[in-house]
């Protein structure tokens, strides 16, 4: 390109700039095209935020709809007063409650004729588990029925002789003999009844004996003494049971609606452990916690582990806590009240400050707090929250990430 052509282009450019300055509508476009700002420095078009709209960085607002909050799995909890507890964490094992174990055994010799319950089946109290056939029970029932008939006859004879004696129709000797025979018959009836009780037959079954067919006299029902589940069945159909070194225990029934936790506590922690203290139970693979109460503290130490056996009891109506499971117990040894507490899972750290995310109409708002004392569950909030406010208590790291993302974009 020649010098003259370069000179012409420069003149045209200068004329264009001058014309743009005279027409306001063109000045900004020409400046952008030429690449020069008012100060002569290259710059792009400036984009300013509209005034009057609060930014996310300024207010700490995270805008989320109700559907987005549900999809993110963010749970809420109301801030309220609570207690801070000091706990001793110890290992433990779930075992059945010794007060809720029943070993169903027979009290006579016989043969298993029916098995009405299988392993694992639920049973109610007094429900029939099995039917036995026994000559011993047939003899005892027959003896009772004979004694019952004899007693009825002797009582009628005694009433007749007593009436005759009162009218001075019969002799005193006849009256006394009849009374003696009636007393002996009643005594034999009571002895026969006690034999049936000893064989495990209750009042209801005894009352039905006179109306039962003779073929059923040799049959004896085995009933469960408690409600629960069959955890052991030690006999099969046709098994001989009873005395003479034969199996006497048929079933083991366990009620697991309440279970025990055997905890191993070191001697150093024993002075602060007391009966009726609360214990929080957790286990790997089980969501949530369960609360129990200490019911027994052994005065002896285990010879091998040098720890004391401490037993706590807790409810287990849903059957989650299975005997034999290894668990961790947190024994509450001290409690202090606090006017405002928040779950530890609700608190996040941003920079050098502790924050929570308070539920707002448009989503969540970051709120700085001043924490106080803490335990393994909650933290005391000295300022920044009021009782009744709802805060996020789960997946709060998602809210923190969303907030930091918005600040980075700004």
Protein backbone atom coordinates (compact mmCIF):
# COMPACT_ATOMS: atom_id res chain seq x y z
CA UNK A 1 0.00 0.00 0.00
CA UNK A 2 1.37 3.45 -0.90
CA UNK A 3 1.82 6.32 1.49
CA UNK A 4 -0.86 8.34 -0.30
CA UNK A 5 -3.48 5.62 0.17
CA UNK A 6 -2.67 5.30 3.88
CA UNK A 7 -3.05 9.05 4.24
CA UNK A 8 -6.50 8.96 2.55
CA UNK A 9 -7.74 6.21 4.90
CA UNK A 10 -6.64 8.15 7.97
CA UNK A 11 -8.48 11.27 6.75
CA UNK A 12 -11.68 9.23 6.14
CA UNK A 13 -11.48 7.69 9.62
CA UNK A 14 -11.05 11.06 11.30
CA UNK A 15 -14.04 12.47 9.38
CA UNK A 16 -16.15 9.49 10.44
CA UNK A 17 -15.31 9.96 14.10
CA UNK A 18 -16.17 13.62 13.93
CA UNK A 19 -19.50 12.85 12.30
CA UNK A 20 -20.33 10.29 14.97
CA UNK A 21 -19.71 12.81 17.71
CA UNK A 22 -22.23 15.14 16.11
CA UNK A 23 -24.93 12.38 15.97
CA UNK A 24 -25.54 11.00 19.51
CA UNK A 25 -27.30 7.85 18.29
CA UNK A 26 -24.24 6.79 16.36
CA UNK A 27 -21.52 7.64 18.87
CA UNK A 28 -21.72 4.41 20.88
CA UNK A 29 -21.82 2.17 17.78
CA UNK A 30 -18.90 3.94 16.14
CA UNK A 31 -16.87 3.76 19.32
CA UNK A 32 -17.49 0.04 19.52
CA UNK A 33 -16.56 -0.45 15.87
CA UNK A 34 -13.43 1.63 16.11
CA UNK A 35 -12.46 0.03 19.40
CA UNK A 36 -11.80 3.28 21.21
CA UNK A 37 -13.40 4.51 24.42
CA UNK A 38 -13.79 8.06 25.48
CA UNK A 39 -10.38 7.94 27.02
CA UNK A 40 -8.78 6.36 24.01
CA UNK A 41 -8.46 2.84 25.64
CA UNK A 42 -9.92 -0.21 23.87
CA UNK A 43 -12.99 -1.55 25.60
CA UNK A 44 -16.12 -3.58 24.91
CA UNK A 45 -19.71 -2.61 25.60
CA UNK A 46 -20.36 -2.16 29.31
CA UNK A 47 -23.24 -4.14 30.86
CA UNK A 48 -24.46 -2.81 34.17
CA UNK A 49 -26.84 -4.58 36.57
CA UNK A 50 -30.21 -2.95 36.82
CA UNK A 51 -30.53 -1.01 40.02
CA UNK A 52 -33.24 -1.78 42.58
CA UNK A 53 -32.86 -5.63 42.42
CA UNK A 54 -31.04 -7.27 45.38
CA UNK A 55 -28.25 -9.59 44.33
CA UNK A 56 -27.77 -13.13 45.73
CA UNK A 57 -24.40 -12.07 47.11
CA UNK A 58 -25.91 -9.20 49.03
CA UNK A 59 -28.88 -11.01 50.62
CA UNK A 60 -27.57 -14.60 50.64
CA UNK A 61 -30.77 -15.84 48.99
CA UNK A 62 -30.87 -19.23 47.30
CA UNK A 63 -33.94 -19.35 45.10
CA UNK A 64 -35.56 -22.81 45.07
CA UNK A 65 -39.08 -23.96 44.45
CA UNK A 66 -40.89 -26.40 46.71
CA UNK A 67 -40.40 -29.14 44.10
CA UNK A 68 -36.66 -28.48 43.89
CA UNK A 69 -36.32 -28.62 47.68
CA UNK A 70 -38.11 -31.96 47.78
CA UNK A 71 -36.04 -33.35 44.90
CA UNK A 72 -32.81 -32.30 46.64
CA UNK A 73 -33.83 -34.15 49.81
CA UNK A 74 -33.49 -31.08 52.04
CA UNK A 75 -35.35 -31.64 55.32
CA UNK A 76 -36.47 -28.87 57.66
CA UNK A 77 -36.64 -28.60 61.44
CA UNK A 78 -37.91 -25.87 63.73
CA UNK A 79 -35.34 -24.23 65.99
CA UNK A 80 -36.26 -24.60 69.65
CA UNK A 81 -34.91 -24.97 73.15
CA UNK A 82 -33.07 -28.16 73.96
CA UNK A 83 -30.53 -29.91 76.13
CA UNK A 84 -26.82 -30.48 75.70
CA UNK A 85 -25.61 -33.83 76.97
CA UNK A 86 -22.22 -35.26 77.88
CA UNK A 87 -22.03 -38.89 76.81
CA UNK A 88 -19.81 -41.92 77.30
CA UNK A 89 -19.58 -44.01 74.13
CA UNK A 90 -19.16 -47.77 74.73
CA UNK A 91 -19.59 -50.97 72.66
CA UNK A 92 -22.52 -53.29 73.21
CA UNK A 93 -24.53 -56.27 71.98
CA UNK A 94 -28.26 -56.77 71.50
CA UNK A 95 -29.64 -59.75 73.48
CA UNK A 96 -33.20 -60.94 74.19
CA UNK A 97 -34.73 -59.70 77.42
CA UNK A 98 -34.37 -62.45 80.01
CA UNK A 99 -37.89 -61.61 81.23
CA UNK A 100 -39.34 -62.38 77.79
CA UNK A 101 -37.96 -65.86 77.05
CA UNK A 102 -40.14 -68.95 77.53
CA UNK A 103 -38.94 -72.55 77.19
CA UNK A 104 -41.99 -74.69 76.51
CA UNK A 105 -41.45 -78.14 78.04
CA UNK A 106 -43.66 -81.16 78.66
CA UNK A 107 -44.46 -82.57 82.09
CA UNK A 108 -45.44 -86.08 80.98
CA UNK A 109 -44.24 -88.85 78.69
CA UNK A 110 -45.86 -89.13 75.29
CA UNK A 111 -45.53 -88.76 71.51
CA UNK A 112 -45.83 -85.63 69.33
CA UNK A 113 -49.07 -86.12 67.35
CA UNK A 114 -49.40 -82.62 65.84
CA UNK A 115 -47.12 -79.63 65.29
CA UNK A 116 -49.16 -76.48 64.74
CA UNK A 117 -46.32 -73.93 64.70
CA UNK A 118 -43.15 -73.72 62.66
CA UNK A 119 -39.85 -71.99 63.27
CA UNK A 120 -40.25 -68.21 63.13
CA UNK A 121 -44.05 -68.21 63.45
CA UNK A 122 -45.65 -65.57 65.69
CA UNK A 123 -47.66 -66.93 68.61
CA UNK A 124 -50.09 -65.46 71.11
CA UNK A 125 -50.26 -66.24 74.78
CA UNK A 126 -52.03 -69.58 75.48
CA UNK A 127 -52.06 -70.46 71.76
CA UNK A 128 -51.69 -74.21 71.04
CA UNK A 129 -48.23 -75.07 69.69
CA UNK A 130 -48.46 -78.88 69.52
CA UNK A 131 -50.63 -81.87 70.47
CA UNK A 132 -49.23 -84.84 72.39
CA UNK A 133 -50.68 -88.31 72.81
CA UNK A 134 -49.95 -89.88 76.20
CA UNK A 135 -51.21 -92.86 78.20
CA UNK A 136 -50.22 -90.97 81.33
CA UNK A 137 -52.54 -88.08 80.59
CA UNK A 138 -55.32 -90.52 79.61
CA UNK A 139 -55.00 -92.24 82.99
CA UNK A 140 -55.01 -88.93 84.85
CA UNK A 141 -58.10 -87.69 83.02
CA UNK A 142 -59.93 -90.98 83.55
CA UNK A 143 -59.09 -90.92 87.26
CA UNK A 144 -60.44 -87.40 87.52
CA UNK A 145 -63.70 -88.27 85.74
CA UNK A 146 -64.21 -91.30 88.01
CA UNK A 147 -63.48 -89.24 91.10
CA UNK A 148 -65.92 -86.59 89.90
CA UNK A 149 -68.76 -89.10 89.50
CA UNK A 150 -68.02 -90.68 92.90
CA UNK A 151 -67.99 -87.26 94.54
CA UNK A 152 -71.34 -86.30 93.01
CA UNK A 153 -72.90 -89.56 94.25
CA UNK A 154 -71.47 -89.29 97.76
CA UNK A 155 -72.59 -85.66 98.08
CA UNK A 156 -76.15 -86.66 97.16
CA UNK A 157 -76.12 -89.54 99.68
CA UNK A 158 -74.79 -87.25 102.36
CA UNK A 159 -77.52 -84.67 101.73
CA UNK A 160 -80.17 -87.41 101.95
CA UNK A 161 -78.77 -88.89 105.20
CA UNK A 162 -78.45 -85.39 106.67
CA UNK A 163 -82.12 -84.73 105.96
CA UNK A 164 -83.14 -88.04 107.57
CA UNK A 165 -80.96 -87.35 110.58
CA UNK A 166 -82.50 -83.90 111.01
CA UNK A 167 -85.94 -85.56 111.05
CA UNK A 168 -84.67 -88.23 113.44
CA UNK A 169 -85.57 -90.92 110.93
CA UNK A 170 -82.08 -92.45 110.60
CA UNK A 171 -79.41 -93.12 113.18
CA UNK A 172 -76.53 -90.81 114.02
CA UNK A 173 -74.09 -93.54 113.04
CA UNK A 174 -75.49 -93.60 109.48
CA UNK A 175 -75.25 -89.83 109.26
CA UNK A 176 -71.61 -89.76 110.40
CA UNK A 177 -70.65 -92.60 108.05
CA UNK A 178 -72.23 -90.79 105.09
CA UNK A 179 -70.47 -87.53 105.96
CA UNK A 180 -67.11 -89.28 106.17
CA UNK A 181 -67.57 -90.95 102.78
CA UNK A 182 -68.56 -87.62 101.19
CA UNK A 183 -65.43 -85.93 102.59
CA UNK A 184 -63.18 -88.72 101.29
CA UNK A 185 -64.79 -88.52 97.84
CA UNK A 186 -64.24 -84.75 97.71
CA UNK A 187 -60.61 -85.19 98.77
CA UNK A 188 -59.99 -87.80 96.03
CA UNK A 189 -61.55 -85.44 93.49
CA UNK A 190 -59.23 -82.60 94.55
CA UNK A 191 -56.20 -84.90 94.34
CA UNK A 192 -57.20 -85.96 90.82
CA UNK A 193 -57.61 -82.31 89.84
CA UNK A 194 -54.15 -81.43 91.19
CA UNK A 195 -52.62 -84.23 89.10
CA UNK A 196 -54.11 -82.66 85.99
CA UNK A 197 -52.72 -79.26 87.00
CA UNK A 198 -49.29 -80.86 87.42
CA UNK A 199 -49.51 -82.23 83.87
CA UNK A 200 -50.20 -78.76 82.49
CA UNK A 201 -53.98 -78.94 82.08
CA UNK A 202 -55.77 -75.74 83.10
CA UNK A 203 -59.22 -75.11 84.58
CA UNK A 204 -60.85 -74.51 81.20
CA UNK A 205 -59.73 -77.88 79.84
CA UNK A 206 -60.72 -79.67 83.07
CA UNK A 207 -64.23 -78.20 82.87
CA UNK A 208 -64.63 -79.53 79.31
CA UNK A 209 -63.51 -83.10 80.13
CA UNK A 210 -66.99 -84.53 80.92
CA UNK A 211 -68.27 -83.50 77.46
CA UNK A 212 -65.26 -84.67 75.46
CA UNK A 213 -65.24 -87.92 73.44
CA UNK A 214 -63.29 -90.76 75.01
CA UNK A 215 -60.89 -90.88 72.03
CA UNK A 216 -59.55 -87.40 72.92
CA UNK A 217 -58.69 -88.23 76.52
CA UNK A 218 -55.18 -89.32 75.53
CA UNK A 219 -54.47 -86.01 73.72
CA UNK A 220 -52.80 -83.11 75.49
CA UNK A 221 -52.39 -79.55 74.08
CA UNK A 222 -49.06 -77.76 74.57
CA UNK A 223 -49.63 -73.99 74.86
CA UNK A 224 -47.36 -70.96 74.73
CA UNK A 225 -47.02 -69.15 78.08
CA UNK A 226 -46.20 -65.79 76.40
CA UNK A 227 -46.66 -63.93 73.12
CA UNK A 228 -43.69 -63.81 70.78
CA UNK A 229 -42.00 -65.79 68.02
CA UNK A 230 -40.82 -69.39 67.78
CA UNK A 231 -37.01 -69.18 67.71
CA UNK A 232 -36.31 -72.88 68.38
CA UNK A 233 -38.24 -76.09 67.69
CA UNK A 234 -36.53 -79.14 69.11
CA UNK A 235 -38.92 -81.95 68.11
CA UNK A 236 -40.46 -83.42 64.97
CA UNK A 237 -43.72 -85.19 64.31
CA UNK A 238 -43.73 -88.55 66.10
CA UNK A 239 -40.89 -87.69 68.51
CA UNK A 240 -41.11 -89.41 71.90
CA UNK A 241 -40.87 -86.84 74.67
CA UNK A 242 -41.04 -86.77 78.44
CA UNK A 243 -39.22 -88.58 81.17
CA UNK A 244 -36.55 -91.32 81.11
CA UNK A 245 -33.84 -89.20 79.41
CA UNK A 246 -36.16 -88.15 76.58
CA UNK A 247 -36.46 -84.58 75.26
CA UNK A 248 -38.66 -82.46 77.51
CA UNK A 249 -38.17 -79.01 75.90
CA UNK A 250 -40.23 -78.62 72.72
CA UNK A 251 -40.07 -74.93 71.79
CA UNK A 252 -38.35 -71.69 72.75
CA UNK A 253 -40.56 -68.61 72.44
CA UNK A 254 -39.02 -65.12 72.60
CA UNK A 255 -40.83 -61.80 72.79
CA UNK A 256 -38.64 -59.23 70.99
CA UNK A 257 -40.93 -56.22 71.49
CA UNK A 258 -38.37 -55.17 74.11
CA UNK A 259 -34.69 -56.15 74.05
CA UNK A 260 -31.64 -55.72 76.24
CA UNK A 261 -28.33 -54.12 75.33
CA UNK A 262 -25.31 -55.49 77.17
CA UNK A 263 -22.74 -52.67 77.34
CA UNK A 264 -19.07 -52.99 78.32
CA UNK A 265 -18.09 -50.01 80.53
CA UNK A 266 -14.53 -49.42 81.69
CA UNK A 267 -13.83 -49.05 85.43
CA UNK A 268 -12.79 -45.43 84.90
CA UNK A 269 -16.28 -44.52 83.62
CA UNK A 270 -18.28 -46.56 86.13
CA UNK A 271 -18.50 -43.83 88.84
CA UNK A 272 -20.65 -41.62 86.57
CA UNK A 273 -22.89 -44.42 85.25
CA UNK A 274 -26.18 -44.82 87.15
CA UNK A 275 -29.37 -46.82 86.75
CA UNK A 276 -32.19 -45.09 84.80
CA UNK A 277 -29.72 -43.03 82.77
CA UNK A 278 -30.60 -42.65 79.08
CA UNK A 279 -28.65 -44.53 76.41
CA UNK A 280 -28.69 -43.74 72.69
CA UNK A 281 -28.13 -46.87 70.56
CA UNK A 282 -26.74 -46.86 67.01
CA UNK A 283 -25.50 -49.62 64.72
CA UNK A 284 -23.79 -49.86 61.37
CA UNK A 285 -26.31 -50.56 58.64
CA UNK A 286 -29.31 -49.32 60.67
CA UNK A 287 -30.66 -45.85 60.00
CA UNK A 288 -31.66 -43.78 62.98
CA UNK A 289 -31.18 -44.25 66.68
CA UNK A 290 -33.04 -45.89 69.55
CA UNK A 291 -33.22 -44.74 73.15
CA UNK A 292 -33.12 -46.99 76.19
CA UNK A 293 -32.68 -46.92 79.97
CA UNK A 294 -30.02 -48.55 82.12
CA UNK A 295 -31.65 -51.20 84.34
CA UNK A 296 -28.64 -53.05 85.77
CA UNK A 297 -24.97 -52.37 86.60
CA UNK A 298 -22.94 -55.44 87.51
CA UNK A 299 -20.86 -55.14 90.69
CA UNK A 300 -18.29 -57.52 89.14
CA UNK A 301 -15.70 -56.94 86.42
CA UNK A 302 -15.10 -59.37 83.59
CA UNK A 303 -11.90 -61.33 84.20
CA UNK A 304 -10.74 -61.03 80.59
CA UNK A 305 -11.87 -57.58 79.44
CA UNK A 306 -11.69 -55.89 82.88
CA UNK A 307 -14.94 -54.08 82.07
CA UNK A 308 -18.30 -54.02 83.84
CA UNK A 309 -21.50 -55.43 82.37
CA UNK A 310 -24.15 -52.72 82.12
CA UNK A 311 -27.61 -53.69 80.84
CA UNK A 312 -30.02 -51.26 79.20
CA UNK A 313 -33.55 -51.97 77.96
CA UNK A 314 -35.28 -50.44 74.94
CA UNK A 315 -38.37 -50.94 72.78
CA UNK A 316 -38.20 -52.95 69.56
CA UNK A 317 -41.78 -53.18 68.30
CA UNK A 318 -40.68 -52.85 64.67
CA UNK A 319 -38.13 -55.67 65.02
CA UNK A 320 -35.18 -53.65 63.68
CA UNK A 321 -32.81 -54.50 66.53
CA UNK A 322 -31.95 -58.19 66.25
CA UNK A 323 -30.28 -60.10 69.09
CA UNK A 324 -26.61 -60.75 68.37
CA UNK A 325 -26.05 -57.40 66.62
CA UNK A 326 -23.07 -55.28 67.66
CA UNK A 327 -24.05 -51.73 68.55
CA UNK A 328 -22.64 -48.54 70.02
CA UNK A 329 -24.20 -47.03 73.12
CA UNK A 330 -23.90 -43.38 74.16
CA UNK A 331 -24.68 -43.10 77.87
CA UNK A 332 -25.90 -39.66 78.95
CA UNK A 333 -24.03 -38.76 82.15
CA UNK A 334 -24.76 -35.00 82.26
CA UNK A 335 -27.37 -32.67 80.73
CA UNK A 336 -27.58 -28.86 80.47
CA UNK A 337 -30.44 -26.84 79.02
CA UNK A 338 -30.04 -24.22 76.28
CA UNK A 339 -32.63 -21.66 75.07
CA UNK A 340 -31.88 -22.21 71.35
CA UNK A 341 -30.19 -25.22 69.76
CA UNK A 342 -29.71 -26.32 66.17
CA UNK A 343 -28.77 -29.75 64.82
CA UNK A 344 -25.10 -30.08 63.94
CA UNK A 345 -26.08 -31.12 60.41
CA UNK A 346 -27.73 -27.71 59.90
CA UNK A 347 -24.51 -25.74 60.43
CA UNK A 348 -22.03 -25.04 57.61
CA UNK A 349 -18.77 -23.04 57.52
CA UNK A 350 -18.29 -20.34 54.87
CA UNK A 351 -15.02 -18.48 55.20
CA UNK A 352 -14.54 -17.82 58.90
CA UNK A 353 -18.19 -17.77 59.88
CA UNK A 354 -20.76 -20.38 60.87
CA UNK A 355 -24.01 -20.19 58.93
CA UNK A 356 -27.37 -21.91 58.68
CA UNK A 357 -29.93 -21.80 55.88
CA UNK A 358 -33.27 -20.43 57.05
CA UNK A 359 -36.41 -21.22 55.07
CA UNK A 360 -37.60 -18.16 53.17
CA UNK A 361 -40.60 -17.65 50.83
CA UNK A 362 -38.41 -17.87 47.72
CA UNK A 363 -36.12 -20.64 49.00
CA UNK A 364 -33.42 -20.33 51.68
CA UNK A 365 -31.52 -17.44 53.18
CA UNK A 366 -28.00 -17.70 54.56
CA UNK A 367 -27.93 -16.65 58.21
CA UNK A 368 -24.74 -16.11 60.21
CA UNK A 369 -24.85 -17.46 63.76
CA UNK A 370 -22.71 -17.38 66.88
CA UNK A 371 -22.37 -20.97 68.16
CA UNK A 372 -21.90 -21.91 71.81
CA UNK A 373 -21.63 -25.28 73.53
CA UNK A 374 -22.05 -28.49 71.53
CA UNK A 375 -22.56 -32.20 71.97
CA UNK A 376 -22.72 -34.98 69.37
CA UNK A 377 -26.25 -33.99 68.30
CA UNK A 378 -26.88 -30.24 68.62
CA UNK A 379 -25.11 -26.91 69.01
CA UNK A 380 -26.23 -24.02 71.17
CA UNK A 381 -26.97 -20.86 69.12
CA UNK A 382 -26.10 -17.69 71.06
CA UNK A 383 -27.35 -15.30 68.36
CA UNK A 384 -28.62 -15.38 64.80
CA UNK A 385 -31.73 -17.56 65.25
CA UNK A 386 -35.04 -17.25 67.01
CA UNK A 387 -37.15 -20.16 68.37
CA UNK A 388 -39.68 -21.33 65.80
CA UNK A 389 -37.64 -20.52 62.68
CA UNK A 390 -37.24 -23.41 60.22
CA UNK A 391 -33.75 -24.32 59.05
CA UNK A 392 -32.40 -26.94 56.64
CA UNK A 393 -31.02 -29.94 58.54
CA UNK A 394 -30.04 -32.35 55.75
CA UNK A 395 -28.10 -31.99 52.49
CA UNK A 396 -27.10 -28.49 53.56
CA UNK A 397 -23.83 -28.89 51.64
CA UNK A 398 -25.92 -28.64 48.44
CA UNK A 399 -27.25 -25.27 49.57
CA UNK A 400 -23.71 -24.14 50.44
CA UNK A 401 -22.44 -25.19 47.01
CA UNK A 402 -25.31 -23.37 45.28
CA UNK A 403 -24.61 -20.22 47.27
CA UNK A 404 -20.88 -20.27 46.51
CA UNK A 405 -21.63 -20.88 42.84
CA UNK A 406 -23.83 -17.79 42.75
CA UNK A 407 -21.14 -15.69 44.44
CA UNK A 408 -18.50 -16.91 41.98
CA UNK A 409 -20.67 -15.98 38.99
CA UNK A 410 -21.17 -12.51 40.42
